[in-house]
Amino acid sequence: MLKADNVSCVRGERRLITALSFTLERGRLLAVTGANGSGKTSLLRMLCGLLPAEQGRVLWDGEDVRACRERYLASLIYIGHLNSLKDDLTPVENVTISARLAGEAISVEKTCEALEAVG
């Protein structure tokens, strides 16, 4: 179960999301719609743990995603609207996400080894 508990998001000087709360039960889908710049991508990044919430918490099976980050990330796939490297992700996160999109499971340790090998 994924739960947003009073989350807010600020990007630069703009408050995109204020005190949003909802619960998404396992096996359910979430469609996020809205105008350009309204915070859809920021919300999805917050839910995936890729962007910290300005306020509130994102819970996965009752646990804050920051406390179970590795387990949480291993359980999801984030597909953004552009299929490219993301500047706000670490190299490890970019490689891990790309591998998962290609259907390959790769550990953080293996990702770090590969990145060290190529410099």
N, C-alpha and C. Protein backbone atom coordinates (compact mmCIF):
# COMPACT_ATOMS: atom_id res chain seq x y z
N MET A 1 0.84 -1.17 0.00
CA MET A 1 0.00 0.00 0.00
C MET A 1 0.90 1.24 0.00
N LEU A 2 0.55 2.19 -0.83
CA LEU A 2 1.27 3.46 -0.92
C LEU A 2 0.38 4.56 -0.35
N LYS A 3 0.95 5.36 0.54
CA LYS A 3 0.15 6.41 1.17
C LYS A 3 0.92 7.72 1.16
N ALA A 4 0.27 8.76 0.68
CA ALA A 4 0.79 10.12 0.79
C ALA A 4 0.11 10.74 2.00
N ASP A 5 0.89 11.19 2.94
CA ASP A 5 0.35 11.72 4.19
C ASP A 5 0.71 13.20 4.32
N ASN A 6 -0.21 14.06 3.89
CA ASN A 6 -0.06 15.50 4.04
C ASN A 6 1.19 16.04 3.33
N VAL A 7 1.48 15.53 2.12
CA VAL A 7 2.70 15.94 1.41
C VAL A 7 2.52 17.28 0.70
N SER A 8 3.60 18.03 0.69
CA SER A 8 3.65 19.30 -0.02
C SER A 8 4.94 19.34 -0.82
N CYS A 9 4.90 20.06 -1.94
CA CYS A 9 6.07 20.14 -2.82
C CYS A 9 6.27 21.58 -3.26
N VAL A 10 7.50 22.05 -3.11
CA VAL A 10 7.88 23.38 -3.56
C VAL A 10 9.05 23.21 -4.52
N ARG A 11 8.95 23.84 -5.68
CA ARG A 11 10.04 23.83 -6.67
C ARG A 11 10.41 25.28 -6.93
N GLY A 12 11.62 25.65 -6.54
CA GLY A 12 12.01 27.05 -6.66
C GLY A 12 11.15 27.89 -5.73
N GLU A 13 10.50 28.87 -6.28
CA GLU A 13 9.62 29.75 -5.51
C GLU A 13 8.15 29.32 -5.58
N ARG A 14 7.86 28.26 -6.35
CA ARG A 14 6.47 27.85 -6.57
C ARG A 14 6.06 26.69 -5.68
N ARG A 15 4.94 26.85 -5.01
CA ARG A 15 4.34 25.75 -4.25
C ARG A 15 3.43 25.01 -5.21
N LEU A 16 3.81 23.76 -5.54
CA LEU A 16 3.05 22.97 -6.51
C LEU A 16 1.96 22.13 -5.85
N ILE A 17 2.27 21.60 -4.69
CA ILE A 17 1.34 20.69 -4.00
C ILE A 17 1.28 21.10 -2.54
N THR A 18 0.07 21.18 -2.00
CA THR A 18 -0.10 21.57 -0.60
C THR A 18 -0.95 20.54 0.12
N ALA A 19 -0.38 19.91 1.14
CA ALA A 19 -1.11 19.04 2.07
C ALA A 19 -1.96 17.98 1.36
N LEU A 20 -1.37 17.27 0.41
CA LEU A 20 -2.07 16.21 -0.31
C LEU A 20 -1.99 14.90 0.46
N SER A 21 -3.12 14.23 0.63
CA SER A 21 -3.16 12.93 1.29
C SER A 21 -4.03 11.98 0.48
N PHE A 22 -3.56 10.75 0.31
CA PHE A 22 -4.36 9.71 -0.32
C PHE A 22 -3.71 8.36 -0.04
N THR A 23 -4.47 7.30 -0.26
CA THR A 23 -3.97 5.94 -0.11
C THR A 23 -4.23 5.19 -1.40
N LEU A 24 -3.22 4.49 -1.87
CA LEU A 24 -3.33 3.68 -3.08
C LEU A 24 -3.09 2.23 -2.67
N GLU A 25 -4.15 1.44 -2.73
CA GLU A 25 -4.05 0.03 -2.33
C GLU A 25 -3.24 -0.76 -3.35
N ARG A 26 -2.60 -1.81 -2.89
CA ARG A 26 -1.81 -2.70 -3.74
C ARG A 26 -2.66 -3.20 -4.91
N GLY A 27 -2.08 -3.17 -6.12
CA GLY A 27 -2.78 -3.65 -7.30
C GLY A 27 -3.64 -2.60 -7.99
N ARG A 28 -3.74 -1.41 -7.41
CA ARG A 28 -4.54 -0.34 -8.00
C ARG A 28 -3.64 0.54 -8.86
N LEU A 29 -4.23 1.26 -9.79
CA LEU A 29 -3.50 2.17 -10.66
C LEU A 29 -3.76 3.60 -10.25
N LEU A 30 -2.80 4.46 -10.57
CA LEU A 30 -2.94 5.88 -10.30
C LEU A 30 -2.72 6.65 -11.59
N ALA A 31 -3.68 7.46 -11.97
CA ALA A 31 -3.53 8.35 -13.13
C ALA A 31 -3.41 9.76 -12.60
N VAL A 32 -2.37 10.45 -13.01
CA VAL A 32 -2.15 11.82 -12.57
C VAL A 32 -2.33 12.73 -13.78
N THR A 33 -3.29 13.63 -13.71
CA THR A 33 -3.57 14.53 -14.82
C THR A 33 -3.51 15.97 -14.34
N GLY A 34 -3.29 16.87 -15.27
CA GLY A 34 -3.26 18.29 -14.93
C GLY A 34 -2.53 19.08 -15.99
N ALA A 35 -2.59 20.38 -15.85
CA ALA A 35 -1.95 21.29 -16.80
C ALA A 35 -0.42 21.21 -16.70
N ASN A 36 0.25 21.64 -17.76
CA ASN A 36 1.71 21.72 -17.73
C ASN A 36 2.16 22.58 -16.56
N GLY A 37 3.17 22.08 -15.83
CA GLY A 37 3.70 22.85 -14.72
C GLY A 37 2.91 22.78 -13.44
N SER A 38 1.90 21.92 -13.39
CA SER A 38 1.04 21.86 -12.20
C SER A 38 1.61 20.96 -11.10
N GLY A 39 2.68 20.21 -11.39
CA GLY A 39 3.31 19.39 -10.36
C GLY A 39 3.12 17.90 -10.52
N LYS A 40 2.64 17.44 -11.68
CA LYS A 40 2.41 16.00 -11.89
C LYS A 40 3.70 15.20 -11.76
N THR A 41 4.73 15.61 -12.47
CA THR A 41 6.01 14.89 -12.43
C THR A 41 6.63 15.00 -11.05
N SER A 42 6.55 16.16 -10.43
CA SER A 42 7.08 16.33 -9.08
C SER A 42 6.37 15.41 -8.10
N LEU A 43 5.05 15.26 -8.22
CA LEU A 43 4.31 14.35 -7.36
C LEU A 43 4.79 12.92 -7.56
N LEU A 44 4.91 12.49 -8.81
CA LEU A 44 5.36 11.12 -9.07
C LEU A 44 6.78 10.90 -8.55
N ARG A 45 7.64 11.87 -8.70
CA ARG A 45 9.00 11.74 -8.17
C ARG A 45 9.00 11.67 -6.65
N MET A 46 8.12 12.44 -6.00
CA MET A 46 7.98 12.35 -4.55
C MET A 46 7.52 10.96 -4.13
N LEU A 47 6.53 10.44 -4.84
CA LEU A 47 6.00 9.12 -4.50
C LEU A 47 7.04 8.03 -4.69
N CYS A 48 7.93 8.22 -5.64
CA CYS A 48 8.99 7.23 -5.90
C CYS A 48 10.20 7.42 -5.01
N GLY A 49 10.20 8.47 -4.20
CA GLY A 49 11.34 8.73 -3.33
C GLY A 49 12.49 9.41 -4.04
N LEU A 50 12.25 9.91 -5.24
CA LEU A 50 13.30 10.57 -6.01
C LEU A 50 13.39 12.06 -5.71
N LEU A 51 12.37 12.60 -5.06
CA LEU A 51 12.31 14.01 -4.70
C LEU A 51 11.73 14.08 -3.29
N PRO A 52 12.44 14.72 -2.35
CA PRO A 52 11.89 14.77 -0.99
C PRO A 52 10.67 15.67 -0.90
N ALA A 53 9.73 15.27 -0.09
CA ALA A 53 8.55 16.11 0.16
C ALA A 53 8.98 17.29 1.03
N GLU A 54 8.48 18.46 0.70
CA GLU A 54 8.75 19.65 1.51
C GLU A 54 8.14 19.48 2.91
N GLN A 55 7.03 18.77 2.95
CA GLN A 55 6.31 18.53 4.20
C GLN A 55 5.57 17.21 4.04
N GLY A 56 5.30 16.53 5.14
CA GLY A 56 4.55 15.28 5.09
C GLY A 56 5.44 14.08 4.82
N ARG A 57 4.78 12.94 4.60
CA ARG A 57 5.52 11.69 4.42
C ARG A 57 4.88 10.86 3.32
N VAL A 58 5.72 10.05 2.69
CA VAL A 58 5.24 9.03 1.75
C VAL A 58 5.53 7.70 2.42
N LEU A 59 4.49 6.89 2.58
CA LEU A 59 4.61 5.61 3.27
C LEU A 59 4.38 4.46 2.30
N TRP A 60 5.14 3.41 2.47
CA TRP A 60 4.99 2.19 1.68
C TRP A 60 4.84 1.05 2.67
N ASP A 61 3.71 0.38 2.62
CA ASP A 61 3.39 -0.67 3.59
C ASP A 61 3.59 -0.18 5.03
N GLY A 62 3.19 1.08 5.27
CA GLY A 62 3.24 1.65 6.61
C GLY A 62 4.57 2.22 7.04
N GLU A 63 5.59 2.13 6.20
CA GLU A 63 6.93 2.61 6.56
C GLU A 63 7.32 3.78 5.67
N ASP A 64 7.95 4.78 6.27
CA ASP A 64 8.42 5.94 5.50
C ASP A 64 9.40 5.47 4.43
N VAL A 65 9.20 5.90 3.19
CA VAL A 65 10.05 5.43 2.09
C VAL A 65 11.51 5.82 2.29
N ARG A 66 11.77 6.86 3.07
CA ARG A 66 13.16 7.24 3.34
C ARG A 66 13.85 6.22 4.24
N ALA A 67 13.07 5.53 5.06
CA ALA A 67 13.63 4.54 5.99
C ALA A 67 13.87 3.19 5.33
N CYS A 68 13.18 2.92 4.23
CA CYS A 68 13.31 1.62 3.55
C CYS A 68 13.63 1.84 2.07
N ARG A 69 14.44 2.85 1.79
CA ARG A 69 14.70 3.31 0.42
C ARG A 69 15.10 2.19 -0.54
N GLU A 70 16.09 1.40 -0.18
CA GLU A 70 16.58 0.37 -1.10
C GLU A 70 15.50 -0.68 -1.39
N ARG A 71 14.82 -1.14 -0.36
CA ARG A 71 13.73 -2.11 -0.54
C ARG A 71 12.59 -1.52 -1.36
N TYR A 72 12.26 -0.28 -1.09
CA TYR A 72 11.18 0.40 -1.79
C TYR A 72 11.52 0.56 -3.27
N LEU A 73 12.71 1.07 -3.57
CA LEU A 73 13.10 1.28 -4.97
C LEU A 73 13.16 -0.04 -5.73
N ALA A 74 13.53 -1.12 -5.05
CA ALA A 74 13.60 -2.43 -5.71
C ALA A 74 12.22 -2.94 -6.09
N SER A 75 11.17 -2.36 -5.49
CA SER A 75 9.82 -2.86 -5.73
C SER A 75 9.05 -2.06 -6.79
N LEU A 76 9.65 -1.02 -7.33
CA LEU A 76 8.89 -0.19 -8.27
C LEU A 76 9.70 0.13 -9.52
N ILE A 77 8.97 0.58 -10.51
CA ILE A 77 9.58 1.08 -11.74
C ILE A 77 8.95 2.44 -12.01
N TYR A 78 9.79 3.41 -12.23
CA TYR A 78 9.31 4.76 -12.56
C TYR A 78 9.57 5.01 -14.03
N ILE A 79 8.53 5.31 -14.76
CA ILE A 79 8.66 5.64 -16.18
C ILE A 79 8.17 7.06 -16.36
N GLY A 80 9.09 7.97 -16.55
CA GLY A 80 8.73 9.37 -16.75
C GLY A 80 8.30 9.62 -18.18
N HIS A 81 8.01 10.87 -18.47
CA HIS A 81 7.54 11.21 -19.81
C HIS A 81 8.68 11.30 -20.82
N LEU A 82 9.93 11.35 -20.36
CA LEU A 82 11.09 11.34 -21.25
C LEU A 82 11.95 10.14 -20.89
N ASN A 83 12.44 9.45 -21.87
CA ASN A 83 13.27 8.28 -21.63
C ASN A 83 14.73 8.68 -21.77
N SER A 84 15.27 9.34 -20.75
CA SER A 84 16.65 9.82 -20.80
C SER A 84 17.20 9.91 -19.38
N LEU A 85 18.47 10.29 -19.28
CA LEU A 85 19.07 10.48 -17.97
C LEU A 85 18.43 11.69 -17.30
N LYS A 86 18.27 11.58 -16.02
CA LYS A 86 17.65 12.66 -15.25
C LYS A 86 18.73 13.37 -14.43
N ASP A 87 18.82 14.69 -14.59
CA ASP A 87 19.84 15.47 -13.90
C ASP A 87 19.70 15.43 -12.38
N ASP A 88 18.48 15.26 -11.88
CA ASP A 88 18.27 15.28 -10.43
C ASP A 88 18.43 13.90 -9.78
N LEU A 89 18.83 12.89 -10.56
CA LEU A 89 19.11 11.56 -10.02
C LEU A 89 20.62 11.35 -9.95
N THR A 90 21.03 10.49 -9.06
CA THR A 90 22.44 10.12 -9.01
C THR A 90 22.75 9.18 -10.17
N PRO A 91 24.03 9.02 -10.51
CA PRO A 91 24.37 8.05 -11.56
C PRO A 91 23.85 6.65 -11.24
N VAL A 92 23.93 6.24 -9.98
CA VAL A 92 23.45 4.91 -9.59
C VAL A 92 21.95 4.79 -9.85
N GLU A 93 21.18 5.81 -9.49
CA GLU A 93 19.74 5.79 -9.72
C GLU A 93 19.41 5.76 -11.22
N ASN A 94 20.13 6.55 -12.01
CA ASN A 94 19.90 6.55 -13.46
C ASN A 94 20.15 5.17 -14.07
N VAL A 95 21.27 4.54 -13.70
CA VAL A 95 21.60 3.22 -14.25
C VAL A 95 20.60 2.18 -13.78
N THR A 96 20.26 2.20 -12.50
CA THR A 96 19.32 1.23 -11.95
C THR A 96 17.96 1.32 -12.63
N ILE A 97 17.47 2.52 -12.79
CA ILE A 97 16.16 2.71 -13.44
C ILE A 97 16.21 2.27 -14.89
N SER A 98 17.28 2.63 -15.60
CA SER A 98 17.41 2.22 -17.01
C SER A 98 17.47 0.70 -17.13
N ALA A 99 18.19 0.05 -16.23
CA ALA A 99 18.27 -1.41 -16.26
C ALA A 99 16.90 -2.04 -16.02
N ARG A 100 16.17 -1.51 -15.07
CA ARG A 100 14.83 -2.05 -14.79
C ARG A 100 13.89 -1.85 -15.97
N LEU A 101 14.02 -0.71 -16.64
CA LEU A 101 13.20 -0.47 -17.83
C LEU A 101 13.50 -1.48 -18.92
N ALA A 102 14.75 -1.95 -18.95
CA ALA A 102 15.15 -2.94 -19.94
C ALA A 102 14.86 -4.36 -19.47
N GLY A 103 14.24 -4.51 -18.30
CA GLY A 103 13.89 -5.83 -17.79
C GLY A 103 15.00 -6.53 -17.04
N GLU A 104 16.04 -5.79 -16.67
CA GLU A 104 17.17 -6.36 -15.96
C GLU A 104 17.16 -5.91 -14.50
N ALA A 105 17.33 -6.84 -13.60
CA ALA A 105 17.47 -6.49 -12.19
C ALA A 105 18.95 -6.33 -11.90
N ILE A 106 19.34 -5.22 -11.30
CA ILE A 106 20.74 -4.98 -10.99
C ILE A 106 20.82 -4.40 -9.58
N SER A 107 21.75 -4.92 -8.80
CA SER A 107 21.90 -4.45 -7.42
C SER A 107 22.67 -3.13 -7.42
N VAL A 108 22.54 -2.41 -6.32
CA VAL A 108 23.28 -1.16 -6.17
C VAL A 108 24.77 -1.44 -6.21
N GLU A 109 25.19 -2.55 -5.59
CA GLU A 109 26.62 -2.92 -5.59
C GLU A 109 27.13 -3.13 -7.01
N LYS A 110 26.40 -3.89 -7.82
CA LYS A 110 26.80 -4.14 -9.21
C LYS A 110 26.80 -2.84 -10.02
N THR A 111 25.82 -1.98 -9.76
CA THR A 111 25.76 -0.69 -10.45
C THR A 111 26.99 0.13 -10.13
N CYS A 112 27.37 0.19 -8.86
CA CYS A 112 28.56 0.96 -8.46
C CYS A 112 29.82 0.39 -9.10
N GLU A 113 29.93 -0.93 -9.14
CA GLU A 113 31.09 -1.56 -9.79
C GLU A 113 31.16 -1.20 -11.26
N ALA A 114 30.02 -1.23 -11.94
CA ALA A 114 29.99 -0.90 -13.37
C ALA A 114 30.36 0.56 -13.60
N LEU A 115 29.85 1.45 -12.76
CA LEU A 115 30.17 2.87 -12.91
C LEU A 115 31.65 3.14 -12.64
N GLU A 116 32.22 2.46 -11.66
CA GLU A 116 33.66 2.62 -11.39
C GLU A 116 34.49 2.10 -12.56
N ALA A 117 34.04 1.03 -13.19
CA ALA A 117 34.78 0.44 -14.31
C ALA A 117 34.85 1.38 -15.52
N VAL A 118 33.81 2.18 -15.72
CA VAL A 118 33.80 3.08 -16.87
C VAL A 118 34.21 4.51 -16.52
N GLY A 119 34.47 4.75 -15.25
CA GLY A 119 34.93 6.08 -14.84
C GLY A 119 33.84 7.05 -14.73
